[in-house]
Amino acid sequence: MKQIDIIMLTNTANNDIYRMTLDAVKSLRKSSEDDLFNIILVESNKETTYEFPVDVYLKPEENFNYNVYLNKAVKHCVCDYSAVSNNDVYFHHGWWEKLRDAMVKHNLDTASPRSPKEQVGIIPQVEMKHRFTPNNKVVEGYMIAYHFCGWFWAMKKSVREWLFPLDEKFSFFYQDNDITMRLEEKESKHALVAASHVDHFGQSSHKILLESKQYYKHTFGLEKTFMQKWQHKFK
């Protein structure tokens, strides 16, 4: 029986991206002896002809918008837990069982695994703090990249039901910041579960966007939108 929906986005513009995404999906399938994962893949490259061994394969008509795509994907969620994942990841054996058990034991609403592999593009002090957190630790908090990892976070069905639809003004950057603000506002319990291992390679999944004229619009251009929305929390 499926236990968790995994929503994964990809922009399969070339064979390298295809191989990376395929490796992520295969490692997920092999990470448990049981068929526990309802994999929902959202493809932003409308021209691609690649195929993947997933449960649901979506190609939205809309131009790239991370939260628009997540809002479409969440309609295909059917499990008691759901997660949002990057495609530049590798799932270690047993990662889900460890994350699930920690969520139950500590009554967590949401949780992120730990990347034991060094991540590219994250502030070094935060990256090292995350990477070297001892396996026996379940660390509650909302700090981006340490506690809350935008590259992978899981939630209970009850959270999914009130959290979605996500704010579609955040088309890429700051969408994880917006989510953590909403979780904290609701006093939801989030934690880093250090015993659950998922390698995140870092900045591998949006190199294509970097080459696009839309890069600033979807990245640092959204800081003003975030600050305007949450300015009452920063006074």
C-alpha atoms as a PDB file:
ATOM      1  CA  MET A   1       0.000   0.000   0.000  1.00  0.00           C
ATOM      2  CA  LYS A   2       1.313   3.436  -0.924  1.00  0.00           C
ATOM      3  CA  GLN A   3       2.291   5.477   2.123  1.00  0.00           C
ATOM      4  CA  ILE A   4       3.602   8.760   0.713  1.00  0.00           C
ATOM      5  CA  ASP A   5       3.095  10.872  -2.397  1.00  0.00           C
ATOM      6  CA  ILE A   6       6.348  12.238  -3.825  1.00  0.00           C
ATOM      7  CA  ILE A   7       5.904  15.316  -6.033  1.00  0.00           C
ATOM      8  CA  MET A   8       8.996  15.927  -8.153  1.00  0.00           C
ATOM      9  CA  LEU A   9       9.554  18.633 -10.763  1.00  0.00           C
ATOM     10  CA  THR A  10      11.891  18.369 -13.740  1.00  0.00           C
ATOM     11  CA  ASN A  11      12.870  20.360 -16.808  1.00  0.00           C
ATOM     12  CA  THR A  12      14.150  17.582 -19.049  1.00  0.00           C
ATOM     13  CA  ALA A  13      15.952  19.744 -21.580  1.00  0.00           C
ATOM     14  CA  ASN A  14      18.763  17.286 -22.313  1.00  0.00           C
ATOM     15  CA  ASN A  15      20.059  13.800 -21.624  1.00  0.00           C
ATOM     16  CA  ASP A  16      21.997  14.882 -18.522  1.00  0.00           C
ATOM     17  CA  ILE A  17      18.816  16.155 -16.857  1.00  0.00           C
ATOM     18  CA  TYR A  18      17.001  12.995 -17.951  1.00  0.00           C
ATOM     19  CA  ARG A  19      19.668  10.756 -16.381  1.00  0.00           C
ATOM     20  CA  MET A  20      19.699  12.795 -13.179  1.00  0.00           C
ATOM     21  CA  THR A  21      15.913  12.625 -12.798  1.00  0.00           C
ATOM     22  CA  LEU A  22      15.809   8.949 -13.728  1.00  0.00           C
ATOM     23  CA  ASP A  23      18.497   8.178 -11.134  1.00  0.00           C
ATOM     24  CA  ALA A  24      16.461  10.029  -8.490  1.00  0.00           C
ATOM     25  CA  VAL A  25      13.307   8.076  -9.349  1.00  0.00           C
ATOM     26  CA  LYS A  26      15.143   4.737  -9.439  1.00  0.00           C
ATOM     27  CA  SER A  27      16.861   5.358  -6.100  1.00  0.00           C
ATOM     28  CA  LEU A  28      13.473   6.211  -4.620  1.00  0.00           C
ATOM     29  CA  ARG A  29      11.935   2.981  -5.885  1.00  0.00           C
ATOM     30  CA  LYS A  30      14.879   0.936  -4.566  1.00  0.00           C
ATOM     31  CA  SER A  31      14.966   2.633  -1.158  1.00  0.00           C
ATOM     32  CA  SER A  32      12.300   0.294   0.234  1.00  0.00           C
ATOM     33  CA  GLU A  33      11.467  -3.360  -0.339  1.00  0.00           C
ATOM     34  CA  ASP A  34       7.787  -2.409  -0.455  1.00  0.00           C
ATOM     35  CA  ASP A  35       5.922  -0.314  -3.026  1.00  0.00           C
ATOM     36  CA  LEU A  36       5.358   2.680  -0.757  1.00  0.00           C
ATOM     37  CA  PHE A  37       5.691   5.653  -3.092  1.00  0.00           C
ATOM     38  CA  ASN A  38       3.134   7.368  -5.298  1.00  0.00           C
ATOM     39  CA  ILE A  39       5.521   9.303  -7.557  1.00  0.00           C
ATOM     40  CA  ILE A  40       4.052  12.357  -9.284  1.00  0.00           C
ATOM     41  CA  LEU A  41       6.450  13.885 -11.820  1.00  0.00           C
ATOM     42  CA  VAL A  42       5.757  17.335 -13.233  1.00  0.00           C
ATOM     43  CA  GLU A  43       7.553  18.135 -16.498  1.00  0.00           C
ATOM     44  CA  SER A  44       8.093  21.793 -17.415  1.00  0.00           C
ATOM     45  CA  ASN A  45       9.676  21.072 -20.805  1.00  0.00           C
ATOM     46  CA  LYS A  46       6.733  20.846 -23.171  1.00  0.00           C
ATOM     47  CA  GLU A  47       8.883  19.521 -26.029  1.00  0.00           C
ATOM     48  CA  THR A  48      10.494  16.597 -24.253  1.00  0.00           C
ATOM     49  CA  THR A  49       9.824  13.023 -25.339  1.00  0.00           C
ATOM     50  CA  TYR A  50      11.554  11.309 -22.414  1.00  0.00           C
ATOM     51  CA  GLU A  51       9.588   8.866 -20.275  1.00  0.00           C
ATOM     52  CA  PHE A  52       9.952   7.935 -16.606  1.00  0.00           C
ATOM     53  CA  PRO A  53       8.794   5.006 -14.419  1.00  0.00           C
ATOM     54  CA  VAL A  54       6.419   7.085 -12.295  1.00  0.00           C
ATOM     55  CA  ASP A  55       2.794   6.772 -11.200  1.00  0.00           C
ATOM     56  CA  VAL A  56       1.616  10.138 -12.530  1.00  0.00           C
ATOM     57  CA  TYR A  57       3.341  12.159 -15.285  1.00  0.00           C
ATOM     58  CA  LEU A  58       2.090  15.717 -15.768  1.00  0.00           C
ATOM     59  CA  LYS A  59       2.934  18.255 -18.471  1.00  0.00           C
ATOM     60  CA  PRO A  60       1.122  21.475 -17.531  1.00  0.00           C
ATOM     61  CA  GLU A  61       0.199  23.900 -20.284  1.00  0.00           C
ATOM     62  CA  GLU A  62       1.244  26.882 -18.161  1.00  0.00           C
ATOM     63  CA  ASN A  63       4.722  28.373 -18.406  1.00  0.00           C
ATOM     64  CA  PHE A  64       7.105  27.555 -15.565  1.00  0.00           C
ATOM     65  CA  ASN A  65       5.815  28.479 -12.116  1.00  0.00           C
ATOM     66  CA  TYR A  66       6.923  26.206  -9.285  1.00  0.00           C
ATOM     67  CA  ASN A  67       3.865  26.736  -7.110  1.00  0.00           C
ATOM     68  CA  VAL A  68       1.401  26.507 -10.009  1.00  0.00           C
ATOM     69  CA  TYR A  69       2.916  23.128 -10.840  1.00  0.00           C
ATOM     70  CA  LEU A  70       2.797  21.961  -7.219  1.00  0.00           C
ATOM     71  CA  ASN A  71      -0.843  23.016  -6.953  1.00  0.00           C
ATOM     72  CA  LYS A  72      -1.655  20.891  -9.994  1.00  0.00           C
ATOM     73  CA  ALA A  73       0.352  17.919  -8.715  1.00  0.00           C
ATOM     74  CA  VAL A  74      -1.210  17.926  -5.254  1.00  0.00           C
ATOM     75  CA  LYS A  75      -4.573  17.051  -6.801  1.00  0.00           C
ATOM     76  CA  HIS A  76      -3.085  13.615  -7.514  1.00  0.00           C
ATOM     77  CA  CYS A  77      -2.036  13.000  -3.905  1.00  0.00           C
ATOM     78  CA  VAL A  78      -3.801  10.069  -2.272  1.00  0.00           C
ATOM     79  CA  CYS A  79      -1.643   9.097   0.723  1.00  0.00           C
ATOM     80  CA  ASP A  80      -1.557   9.970   4.414  1.00  0.00           C
ATOM     81  CA  TYR A  81       1.775  11.693   3.803  1.00  0.00           C
ATOM     82  CA  SER A  82       2.981  13.804   0.887  1.00  0.00           C
ATOM     83  CA  ALA A  83       6.338  15.318  -0.007  1.00  0.00           C
ATOM     84  CA  VAL A  84       7.913  17.794  -2.407  1.00  0.00           C
ATOM     85  CA  SER A  85      11.273  16.750  -3.841  1.00  0.00           C
ATOM     86  CA  ASN A  86      13.961  18.076  -6.145  1.00  0.00           C
ATOM     87  CA  ASN A  87      15.161  15.871  -8.977  1.00  0.00           C
ATOM     88  CA  ASP A  88      18.862  16.324  -8.085  1.00  0.00           C
ATOM     89  CA  VAL A  89      18.706  13.868  -5.188  1.00  0.00           C
ATOM     90  CA  TYR A  90      19.576  10.280  -4.282  1.00  0.00           C
ATOM     91  CA  PHE A  91      17.483   8.362  -1.750  1.00  0.00           C
ATOM     92  CA  HIS A  92      19.283   6.075   0.694  1.00  0.00           C
ATOM     93  CA  HIS A  93      17.754   2.762   1.722  1.00  0.00           C
ATOM     94  CA  GLY A  94      15.298   3.179   4.586  1.00  0.00           C
ATOM     95  CA  TRP A  95      15.134   6.982   4.425  1.00  0.00           C
ATOM     96  CA  TRP A  96      11.326   6.991   4.473  1.00  0.00           C
ATOM     97  CA  GLU A  97      10.889   4.527   7.314  1.00  0.00           C
ATOM     98  CA  LYS A  98      13.232   6.622   9.475  1.00  0.00           C
ATOM     99  CA  LEU A  99      11.495   9.888   8.548  1.00  0.00           C
ATOM    100  CA  ARG A 100       8.019   8.423   9.073  1.00  0.00           C
ATOM    101  CA  ASP A 101       8.897   6.880  12.430  1.00  0.00           C
ATOM    102  CA  ALA A 102      10.379  10.165  13.662  1.00  0.00           C
ATOM    103  CA  MET A 103       7.287  12.077  12.548  1.00  0.00           C
ATOM    104  CA  VAL A 104       5.094   9.679  14.518  1.00  0.00           C
ATOM    105  CA  LYS A 105       7.300   9.543  17.619  1.00  0.00           C
ATOM    106  CA  HIS A 106       7.786  13.314  17.847  1.00  0.00           C
ATOM    107  CA  ASN A 107       4.327  14.246  16.551  1.00  0.00           C
ATOM    108  CA  LEU A 108       5.779  16.254  13.670  1.00  0.00           C
ATOM    109  CA  ASP A 109       3.536  17.929  11.115  1.00  0.00           C
ATOM    110  CA  THR A 110       6.319  18.274   8.560  1.00  0.00           C
ATOM    111  CA  ALA A 111       9.910  17.069   8.308  1.00  0.00           C
ATOM    112  CA  SER A 112      13.031  17.116   6.151  1.00  0.00           C
ATOM    113  CA  PRO A 113      15.759  14.483   5.807  1.00  0.00           C
ATOM    114  CA  ARG A 114      19.494  15.163   6.090  1.00  0.00           C
ATOM    115  CA  SER A 115      21.885  15.265   3.156  1.00  0.00           C
ATOM    116  CA  PRO A 116      25.105  13.496   4.234  1.00  0.00           C
ATOM    117  CA  LYS A 117      26.631  14.680   0.961  1.00  0.00           C
ATOM    118  CA  GLU A 118      27.983  18.226   0.688  1.00  0.00           C
ATOM    119  CA  GLN A 119      25.516  20.534  -1.036  1.00  0.00           C
ATOM    120  CA  VAL A 120      26.529  23.151  -3.583  1.00  0.00           C
ATOM    121  CA  GLY A 121      25.218  26.712  -3.372  1.00  0.00           C
ATOM    122  CA  ILE A 122      24.247  26.834   0.313  1.00  0.00           C
ATOM    123  CA  ILE A 123      25.866  29.149   2.877  1.00  0.00           C
ATOM    124  CA  PRO A 124      28.804  27.035   4.123  1.00  0.00           C
ATOM    125  CA  GLN A 125      28.104  27.484   7.841  1.00  0.00           C
ATOM    126  CA  VAL A 126      24.487  26.375   7.414  1.00  0.00           C
ATOM    127  CA  GLU A 127      25.377  23.545   5.028  1.00  0.00           C
ATOM    128  CA  MET A 128      27.958  22.109   7.428  1.00  0.00           C
ATOM    129  CA  LYS A 129      25.639  22.429  10.413  1.00  0.00           C
ATOM    130  CA  HIS A 130      23.014  20.474   8.473  1.00  0.00           C
ATOM    131  CA  ARG A 131      25.401  17.856   7.087  1.00  0.00           C
ATOM    132  CA  PHE A 132      27.119  17.094  10.404  1.00  0.00           C
ATOM    133  CA  THR A 133      24.003  16.897  12.590  1.00  0.00           C
ATOM    134  CA  PRO A 134      24.327  13.553  14.458  1.00  0.00           C
ATOM    135  CA  ASN A 135      22.092  10.706  13.315  1.00  0.00           C
ATOM    136  CA  ASN A 136      20.319  10.484  16.661  1.00  0.00           C
ATOM    137  CA  LYS A 137      19.058  14.078  16.485  1.00  0.00           C
ATOM    138  CA  VAL A 138      15.585  15.294  15.548  1.00  0.00           C
ATOM    139  CA  VAL A 139      15.986  19.072  15.523  1.00  0.00           C
ATOM    140  CA  GLU A 140      12.857  21.199  15.518  1.00  0.00           C
ATOM    141  CA  GLY A 141      12.838  24.600  13.827  1.00  0.00           C
ATOM    142  CA  TYR A 142      12.167  26.494  10.613  1.00  0.00           C
ATOM    143  CA  MET A 143      15.602  27.666   9.471  1.00  0.00           C
ATOM    144  CA  ILE A 144      15.850  27.368   5.692  1.00  0.00           C
ATOM    145  CA  ALA A 145      18.515  24.873   4.513  1.00  0.00           C
ATOM    146  CA  TYR A 146      19.161  23.614   8.049  1.00  0.00           C
ATOM    147  CA  HIS A 147      15.788  22.477   9.430  1.00  0.00           C
ATOM    148  CA  PHE A 148      13.543  23.059   6.427  1.00  0.00           C
ATOM    149  CA  CYS A 149      14.997  21.852   3.136  1.00  0.00           C
ATOM    150  CA  GLY A 150      13.221  23.163   0.065  1.00  0.00           C
ATOM    151  CA  TRP A 151      14.792  20.298  -1.897  1.00  0.00           C
ATOM    152  CA  PHE A 152      12.787  17.793   0.164  1.00  0.00           C
ATOM    153  CA  TRP A 153      10.107  18.196   2.793  1.00  0.00           C
ATOM    154  CA  ALA A 154       7.303  15.877   3.829  1.00  0.00           C
ATOM    155  CA  MET A 155       3.959  16.691   5.386  1.00  0.00           C
ATOM    156  CA  LYS A 156       0.969  14.968   6.949  1.00  0.00           C
ATOM    157  CA  LYS A 157      -2.255  14.837   4.965  1.00  0.00           C
ATOM    158  CA  SER A 158      -3.800  17.241   7.483  1.00  0.00           C
ATOM    159  CA  VAL A 159      -1.133  19.839   6.652  1.00  0.00           C
ATOM    160  CA  ARG A 160      -1.539  19.308   2.913  1.00  0.00           C
ATOM    161  CA  GLU A 161      -5.235  20.010   3.240  1.00  0.00           C
ATOM    162  CA  TRP A 162      -4.799  23.468   4.752  1.00  0.00           C
ATOM    163  CA  LEU A 163      -1.453  24.476   3.199  1.00  0.00           C
ATOM    164  CA  PHE A 164      -2.532  24.059  -0.417  1.00  0.00           C
ATOM    165  CA  PRO A 165      -3.066  25.769  -2.761  1.00  0.00           C
ATOM    166  CA  LEU A 166       0.307  27.500  -2.443  1.00  0.00           C
ATOM    167  CA  ASP A 167       0.729  31.190  -3.234  1.00  0.00           C
ATOM    168  CA  GLU A 168       1.358  31.324  -6.975  1.00  0.00           C
ATOM    169  CA  LYS A 169       3.096  34.699  -6.779  1.00  0.00           C
ATOM    170  CA  PHE A 170       6.151  32.705  -5.713  1.00  0.00           C
ATOM    171  CA  SER A 171       7.130  31.082  -8.994  1.00  0.00           C
ATOM    172  CA  PHE A 172      10.433  29.650  -7.678  1.00  0.00           C
ATOM    173  CA  PHE A 173      12.655  31.418  -5.122  1.00  0.00           C
ATOM    174  CA  TYR A 174      11.145  32.349  -1.746  1.00  0.00           C
ATOM    175  CA  GLN A 175       8.395  29.768  -2.051  1.00  0.00           C
ATOM    176  CA  ASP A 176      10.076  27.719   0.697  1.00  0.00           C
ATOM    177  CA  ASN A 177      10.422  30.863   2.834  1.00  0.00           C
ATOM    178  CA  ASP A 178       6.721  31.525   2.355  1.00  0.00           C
ATOM    179  CA  ILE A 179       5.874  27.966   3.372  1.00  0.00           C
ATOM    180  CA  THR A 180       7.953  28.123   6.559  1.00  0.00           C
ATOM    181  CA  MET A 181       6.300  31.413   7.500  1.00  0.00           C
ATOM    182  CA  ARG A 182       2.892  29.800   7.093  1.00  0.00           C
ATOM    183  CA  LEU A 183       3.936  26.721   9.074  1.00  0.00           C
ATOM    184  CA  GLU A 184       5.266  28.858  11.895  1.00  0.00           C
ATOM    185  CA  GLU A 185       2.150  31.023  11.857  1.00  0.00           C
ATOM    186  CA  LYS A 186       0.050  27.862  12.321  1.00  0.00           C
ATOM    187  CA  GLU A 187       2.441  26.623  15.044  1.00  0.00           C
ATOM    188  CA  SER A 188       3.099  23.461  13.041  1.00  0.00           C
ATOM    189  CA  LYS A 189       5.975  21.264  14.226  1.00  0.00           C
ATOM    190  CA  HIS A 190       8.762  20.886  11.679  1.00  0.00           C
ATOM    191  CA  ALA A 191      12.081  19.149  12.229  1.00  0.00           C
ATOM    192  CA  LEU A 192      15.238  17.943  10.564  1.00  0.00           C
ATOM    193  CA  VAL A 193      15.388  14.148  10.960  1.00  0.00           C
ATOM    194  CA  ALA A 194      19.115  13.480  10.804  1.00  0.00           C
ATOM    195  CA  ALA A 195      18.831   9.678  10.582  1.00  0.00           C
ATOM    196  CA  SER A 196      16.882   9.932   7.321  1.00  0.00           C
ATOM    197  CA  HIS A 197      19.413  10.256   4.509  1.00  0.00           C
ATOM    198  CA  VAL A 198      18.773  11.781   1.076  1.00  0.00           C
ATOM    199  CA  ASP A 199      21.740  13.139  -0.881  1.00  0.00           C
ATOM    200  CA  HIS A 200      21.122  16.559  -2.393  1.00  0.00           C
ATOM    201  CA  PHE A 201      23.664  17.603  -4.982  1.00  0.00           C
ATOM    202  CA  GLY A 202      22.652  21.261  -5.024  1.00  0.00           C
ATOM    203  CA  GLN A 203      21.885  23.687  -7.845  1.00  0.00           C
ATOM    204  CA  SER A 204      21.809  20.895 -10.404  1.00  0.00           C
ATOM    205  CA  SER A 205      18.108  21.126 -11.136  1.00  0.00           C
ATOM    206  CA  HIS A 206      17.831  24.791 -12.125  1.00  0.00           C
ATOM    207  CA  LYS A 207      20.918  25.351 -14.266  1.00  0.00           C
ATOM    208  CA  ILE A 208      18.645  25.504 -17.300  1.00  0.00           C
ATOM    209  CA  LEU A 209      16.719  28.385 -15.721  1.00  0.00           C
ATOM    210  CA  LEU A 210      20.000  30.211 -15.138  1.00  0.00           C
ATOM    211  CA  GLU A 211      20.439  30.383 -18.897  1.00  0.00           C
ATOM    212  CA  SER A 212      16.961  31.820 -19.378  1.00  0.00           C
ATOM    213  CA  LYS A 213      15.961  35.479 -19.678  1.00  0.00           C
ATOM    214  CA  GLN A 214      13.368  34.694 -16.982  1.00  0.00           C
ATOM    215  CA  TYR A 215      16.005  33.891 -14.332  1.00  0.00           C
ATOM    216  CA  TYR A 216      15.770  37.112 -12.294  1.00  0.00           C
ATOM    217  CA  LYS A 217      11.965  37.116 -12.455  1.00  0.00           C
ATOM    218  CA  HIS A 218      11.778  33.650 -10.895  1.00  0.00           C
ATOM    219  CA  THR A 219      14.634  34.084  -8.403  1.00  0.00           C
ATOM    220  CA  PHE A 220      15.886  37.217  -6.646  1.00  0.00           C
ATOM    221  CA  GLY A 221      13.156  39.360  -8.167  1.00  0.00           C
ATOM    222  CA  LEU A 222      10.713  37.686  -5.764  1.00  0.00           C
ATOM    223  CA  GLU A 223      12.376  39.024  -2.605  1.00  0.00           C
ATOM    224  CA  LYS A 224      10.261  42.187  -2.711  1.00  0.00           C
ATOM    225  CA  THR A 225       7.083  40.106  -3.021  1.00  0.00           C
ATOM    226  CA  PHE A 226       8.069  38.042   0.006  1.00  0.00           C
ATOM    227  CA  MET A 227       8.964  41.060   2.143  1.00  0.00           C
ATOM    228  CA  GLN A 228       5.728  42.848   1.263  1.00  0.00           C
ATOM    229  CA  LYS A 229       3.642  39.810   2.183  1.00  0.00           C
ATOM    230  CA  TRP A 230       5.345  39.173   5.516  1.00  0.00           C
ATOM    231  CA  GLN A 231       6.473  42.678   6.520  1.00  0.00           C
ATOM    232  CA  HIS A 232       4.141  42.593   9.549  1.00  0.00           C
ATOM    233  CA  LYS A 233       6.299  39.755  10.944  1.00  0.00           C
ATOM    234  CA  PHE A 234       9.545  41.697  10.600  1.00  0.00           C
ATOM    235  CA  LYS A 235       8.542  44.869  12.444  1.00  0.00           C
END
